[in-house]
Amino acid sequence: MTEERSLKEEMARLSATFEEMVQKKETKRFRMPFKGWMGRKKVRDGWAIILYINENRSLKFMKAPIKEGTVMIDGAPFLATTDYMLNYKNKPVIIIPSWNVEPFSPQNNLDEATQKAKLNVGYRMLLNRLKSEQIKPKASISIGMIIILLAVIGGAIWYFTKGGGI
């Protein structure tokens, strides 16, 4: 037989279940699609992983050789100098929007964020400072106290076994 519950009890039960599910959810690690896999030999030969952004905002992973600082994708040249390269597991990655000859540049993005005061560096420094100054509870018995106590007990046992005691 099923239990009769009020609406409030049922809502409370569902809310608790939902919160448990949210807390259990773990973030999954990114796995490079098969088209983006690249071996060491291709890296040595000057290839790069390309994350190509189409006009309809869809992404396409591919590999392409870098020749004379450019990459040819669908018959169009795009810049591919070290200023535009990122690293993923020690392999060069370039993010290229299809509508722009110039790929995403981490340095330009950092400069723009600095000019518009949109950096989160200050927040990270503040959080690290707060964590380092957090009051930590001391252990009631430290390791040093335990060693001293064991030494005293060992000395007492030795003293009484040699006949020097009562």
Protein backbone atom coordinates (compact mmCIF):
# COMPACT_ATOMS: atom_id res chain seq x y z
CA MET A 1 0.00 0.00 0.00
CA THR A 2 1.17 3.51 -0.74
CA GLU A 3 1.42 6.14 1.94
CA GLU A 4 -0.81 9.17 1.76
CA ARG A 5 1.36 12.30 1.85
CA SER A 6 0.39 15.91 1.89
CA LEU A 7 1.48 18.18 -0.91
CA LYS A 8 4.00 19.95 1.36
CA GLU A 9 5.61 16.66 2.40
CA GLU A 10 5.84 15.51 -1.21
CA MET A 11 7.41 18.83 -2.28
CA ALA A 12 9.94 18.62 0.58
CA ARG A 13 10.85 15.05 -0.42
CA LEU A 14 11.28 15.98 -4.08
CA SER A 15 13.34 19.05 -3.15
CA ALA A 16 15.68 16.94 -0.99
CA THR A 17 16.03 14.36 -3.77
CA PHE A 18 16.82 17.07 -6.31
CA GLU A 19 19.49 18.62 -4.06
CA GLU A 20 21.13 15.21 -3.59
CA MET A 21 21.23 14.73 -7.36
CA VAL A 22 22.78 18.17 -7.88
CA GLN A 23 25.48 17.49 -5.27
CA LYS A 24 26.35 14.10 -6.78
CA LYS A 25 26.81 15.48 -10.29
CA GLU A 26 30.47 15.52 -11.29
CA THR A 27 32.06 17.42 -14.11
CA LYS A 28 33.40 15.20 -16.85
CA ARG A 29 36.78 15.76 -18.43
CA PHE A 30 37.02 16.94 -22.02
CA ARG A 31 37.94 14.29 -24.56
CA MET A 32 39.29 15.41 -27.88
CA PRO A 33 37.19 14.16 -30.80
CA PHE A 34 38.85 11.58 -33.03
CA LYS A 35 39.38 14.13 -35.81
CA GLY A 36 41.47 16.21 -33.40
CA TRP A 37 43.84 13.42 -32.39
CA MET A 38 47.38 13.95 -33.54
CA GLY A 39 50.59 12.03 -32.99
CA ARG A 40 54.04 13.35 -32.13
CA LYS A 41 55.30 12.92 -35.67
CA LYS A 42 52.74 15.36 -37.06
CA VAL A 43 53.58 17.87 -34.30
CA ARG A 44 57.25 17.64 -35.27
CA ASP A 45 56.34 18.12 -38.93
CA GLY A 46 54.50 21.38 -38.17
CA TRP A 47 50.85 20.34 -37.93
CA ALA A 48 48.32 21.85 -35.54
CA ILE A 49 44.89 20.96 -34.19
CA ILE A 50 42.35 23.42 -35.59
CA LEU A 51 39.12 24.31 -33.83
CA TYR A 52 37.15 25.82 -36.70
CA ILE A 53 34.07 27.92 -35.88
CA ASN A 54 31.53 28.12 -38.72
CA GLU A 55 29.12 31.01 -39.36
CA ASN A 56 26.26 29.01 -37.83
CA ARG A 57 28.28 28.69 -34.58
CA SER A 58 29.03 25.01 -35.02
CA LEU A 59 32.50 23.69 -34.20
CA LYS A 60 34.64 21.41 -36.31
CA PHE A 61 37.90 19.80 -35.19
CA MET A 62 40.56 19.11 -37.79
CA LYS A 63 44.30 18.83 -38.33
CA ALA A 64 46.21 21.02 -40.76
CA PRO A 65 49.85 21.67 -41.61
CA ILE A 66 51.29 25.10 -40.91
CA LYS A 67 53.24 26.44 -43.89
CA GLU A 68 54.90 29.87 -43.85
CA GLY A 69 52.79 31.04 -40.89
CA THR A 70 49.45 30.21 -42.53
CA VAL A 71 46.92 27.39 -42.54
CA MET A 72 44.74 26.58 -45.55
CA ILE A 73 41.17 25.58 -44.66
CA ASP A 74 38.62 25.09 -47.43
CA GLY A 75 40.84 27.01 -49.84
CA ALA A 76 41.11 30.09 -47.57
CA PRO A 77 44.36 31.09 -45.82
CA PHE A 78 44.35 31.90 -42.10
CA LEU A 79 47.20 33.23 -39.96
CA ALA A 80 48.90 30.60 -37.78
CA THR A 81 51.84 32.21 -36.00
CA THR A 82 52.85 31.49 -32.42
CA ASP A 83 50.85 34.52 -31.22
CA TYR A 84 47.64 32.60 -31.95
CA MET A 85 48.63 29.17 -30.66
CA LEU A 86 47.34 27.51 -27.54
CA ASN A 87 48.43 24.15 -26.09
CA TYR A 88 46.37 21.07 -25.31
CA LYS A 89 48.41 18.16 -23.92
CA ASN A 90 51.57 19.65 -25.45
CA LYS A 91 50.03 19.86 -28.91
CA PRO A 92 49.46 23.18 -30.71
CA VAL A 93 45.83 24.28 -31.01
CA ILE A 94 44.48 27.22 -33.03
CA ILE A 95 40.93 28.55 -32.70
CA ILE A 96 39.85 29.96 -36.07
CA PRO A 97 36.53 31.67 -36.77
CA SER A 98 35.56 31.21 -40.42
CA TRP A 99 34.62 34.89 -40.87
CA ASN A 100 37.99 36.32 -39.78
CA VAL A 101 41.46 35.86 -41.26
CA GLU A 102 42.97 36.40 -37.81
CA PRO A 103 42.44 33.54 -35.32
CA PHE A 104 41.68 33.93 -31.62
CA SER A 105 44.62 35.53 -29.85
CA PRO A 106 45.03 34.98 -26.10
CA GLN A 107 47.27 38.06 -25.78
CA ASN A 108 44.78 40.37 -27.52
CA ASN A 109 41.96 38.96 -25.41
CA LEU A 110 43.97 39.59 -22.21
CA ASP A 111 44.77 43.16 -23.29
CA GLU A 112 41.11 43.83 -24.06
CA ALA A 113 40.00 42.42 -20.70
CA THR A 114 42.60 44.59 -18.94
CA GLN A 115 41.40 47.74 -20.72
CA LYS A 116 37.74 47.03 -19.93
CA ALA A 117 38.57 45.99 -16.32
CA LYS A 118 37.02 42.53 -16.71
CA LEU A 119 39.86 40.51 -15.16
CA ASN A 120 39.23 37.96 -12.43
CA VAL A 121 42.84 38.03 -11.19
CA GLY A 122 41.90 40.26 -8.25
CA TYR A 123 39.17 37.85 -7.16
CA ARG A 124 41.53 34.89 -7.24
CA MET A 125 44.15 36.78 -5.20
CA LEU A 126 41.52 37.77 -2.66
CA LEU A 127 40.23 34.20 -2.33
CA ASN A 128 43.76 32.83 -1.91
CA ARG A 129 44.46 35.42 0.78
CA LEU A 130 41.25 34.54 2.63
CA LYS A 131 42.07 30.82 2.47
CA SER A 132 45.59 31.35 3.78
CA GLU A 133 44.40 33.48 6.72
CA GLN A 134 41.62 31.11 7.69
CA ILE A 135 41.72 30.12 11.36
CA LYS A 136 42.58 26.47 11.59
CA PRO A 137 41.70 24.50 14.73
CA LYS A 138 44.70 23.09 16.55
CA ALA A 139 44.86 19.42 17.32
CA SER A 140 44.38 18.69 21.02
CA ILE A 141 47.35 16.31 21.09
CA SER A 142 50.22 16.96 18.74
CA ILE A 143 52.75 14.44 17.48
CA GLY A 144 55.44 15.97 19.71
CA MET A 145 53.33 15.40 22.81
CA ILE A 146 52.77 11.77 21.83
CA ILE A 147 56.52 11.19 21.37
CA ILE A 148 57.31 12.75 24.76
CA LEU A 149 54.59 10.68 26.43
CA LEU A 150 55.92 7.46 24.85
CA ALA A 151 59.47 8.36 25.96
CA VAL A 152 58.31 8.90 29.56
CA ILE A 153 56.37 5.60 29.59
CA GLY A 154 59.36 3.77 28.05
CA GLY A 155 61.70 5.31 30.65
CA ALA A 156 59.38 4.31 33.49
CA ILE A 157 59.15 0.72 32.22
CA TRP A 158 62.93 0.50 31.91
CA TYR A 159 63.42 1.97 35.40
CA PHE A 160 61.01 -0.46 37.04
CA THR A 161 62.30 -3.55 35.15
CA LYS A 162 65.92 -2.91 36.23
CA GLY A 163 64.86 -3.05 39.87
CA GLY A 164 65.28 0.60 40.68
CA GLY A 165 61.63 1.05 41.59
CA ILE A 166 59.43 -0.14 44.42
